[in-house]
Amino acid sequence: MNVGFKFQARSLVPRDIEIWVQEKRRRRVSIGTELGWVRLQSVQIPPGITVVKLKSNVPAQQASPADTRKLGFAAYGIVVEVRAEPDPVESQ
């Protein structure tokens, strides 16, 4: 099954977000400090129960001098789209 993802995301510092499916990295996208839309090309999802993870290669940062929480990134309104066909390969 071909599945795409779209969501809004932001971070305290620019970073990459990686999409992992069944412990394999499938996509990577850069996000910035301003909230913005992210749309990822489709990935192949195997039949059965599938685990999808959003990860970052940048360690969590302290929110501010007054807020000692460690924050990574925020993702809002995550939409999973089942697609009839895989997306065309983007030219590089």
Protein backbone atom coordinates (compact mmCIF):
# COMPACT_ATOMS: atom_id res chain seq x y z
CA MET A 1 0.00 0.00 0.00
CA ASN A 2 1.29 3.48 -0.85
CA VAL A 3 0.91 5.98 1.98
CA GLY A 4 1.80 9.66 2.15
CA PHE A 5 2.02 11.93 5.16
CA LYS A 6 1.31 15.60 5.59
CA PHE A 7 1.44 17.71 8.73
CA GLN A 8 2.48 21.06 10.10
CA ALA A 9 5.78 21.19 12.00
CA ARG A 10 8.19 23.55 13.72
CA SER A 11 11.25 23.40 15.94
CA LEU A 12 13.30 25.64 18.22
CA VAL A 13 16.22 25.23 15.79
CA PRO A 14 16.26 24.09 12.15
CA ARG A 15 16.45 20.30 11.95
CA ASP A 16 15.66 17.28 9.84
CA ILE A 17 12.73 15.01 10.62
CA GLU A 18 13.05 11.40 9.53
CA ILE A 19 10.12 9.09 8.80
CA TRP A 20 10.84 5.51 9.84
CA VAL A 21 8.68 2.53 8.82
CA GLN A 22 9.34 -0.81 10.51
CA GLU A 23 12.74 0.41 11.80
CA LYS A 24 13.93 1.59 8.34
CA ARG A 25 14.38 5.25 7.44
CA ARG A 26 12.16 6.03 4.46
CA ARG A 27 12.07 9.85 4.15
CA ARG A 28 13.82 12.93 5.49
CA VAL A 29 12.58 16.51 5.44
CA SER A 30 13.97 19.77 6.86
CA ILE A 31 11.87 22.00 9.09
CA GLY A 32 12.54 25.43 10.54
CA THR A 33 11.48 27.54 13.47
CA GLU A 34 8.28 28.79 11.81
CA LEU A 35 5.22 26.56 11.63
CA GLY A 36 4.89 25.23 8.08
CA TRP A 37 3.31 22.43 6.07
CA VAL A 38 5.27 19.30 5.29
CA ARG A 39 4.13 16.90 2.55
CA LEU A 40 6.10 13.73 2.02
CA GLN A 41 6.27 11.52 -1.04
CA SER A 42 4.52 8.22 -0.55
CA VAL A 43 6.19 5.27 1.09
CA GLN A 44 5.37 1.60 0.72
CA ILE A 45 3.67 0.19 3.82
CA PRO A 46 3.70 -3.61 4.26
CA PRO A 47 0.51 -5.53 5.07
CA GLY A 48 -0.37 -6.05 8.72
CA ILE A 49 0.49 -3.92 11.74
CA THR A 50 3.02 -1.23 10.83
CA VAL A 51 4.93 1.10 13.16
CA VAL A 52 5.70 4.57 11.79
CA LYS A 53 8.00 6.90 13.77
CA LEU A 54 8.98 10.54 13.39
CA LYS A 55 12.57 11.05 14.58
CA SER A 56 15.16 13.83 14.51
CA ASN A 57 18.92 13.72 14.23
CA VAL A 58 19.21 16.88 16.37
CA PRO A 59 19.09 16.52 20.19
CA ALA A 60 16.28 18.20 22.11
CA GLN A 61 17.00 21.79 23.19
CA GLN A 62 16.12 23.68 26.35
CA ALA A 63 12.97 25.69 25.58
CA SER A 64 14.27 28.96 27.10
CA PRO A 65 16.34 30.16 30.06
CA ALA A 66 13.15 30.23 32.16
CA ASP A 67 11.81 26.91 30.82
CA THR A 68 14.12 23.95 31.37
CA ARG A 69 12.04 21.44 29.39
CA LYS A 70 13.94 19.71 26.58
CA LEU A 71 12.00 20.08 23.35
CA GLY A 72 12.62 18.50 19.96
CA PHE A 73 9.98 19.39 17.39
CA ALA A 74 6.23 19.78 17.24
CA ALA A 75 4.05 18.11 14.61
CA TYR A 76 0.39 19.07 14.27
CA GLY A 77 -2.54 17.68 12.30
CA ILE A 78 -0.79 14.56 11.02
CA VAL A 79 -2.70 13.15 8.03
CA VAL A 80 -2.03 9.70 6.59
CA GLU A 81 -3.09 9.49 2.93
CA VAL A 82 -3.59 6.14 1.21
CA ARG A 83 -2.66 6.65 -2.44
CA ALA A 84 -3.64 4.50 -5.40
CA GLU A 85 -0.25 4.93 -7.06
CA PRO A 86 3.23 5.85 -5.78
CA ASP A 87 4.23 9.46 -6.31
CA PRO A 88 6.40 10.11 -9.36
CA VAL A 89 10.09 10.25 -8.53
CA GLU A 90 11.21 13.84 -8.02
CA SER A 91 14.13 15.01 -10.17
CA GLN A 92 17.23 15.88 -8.23
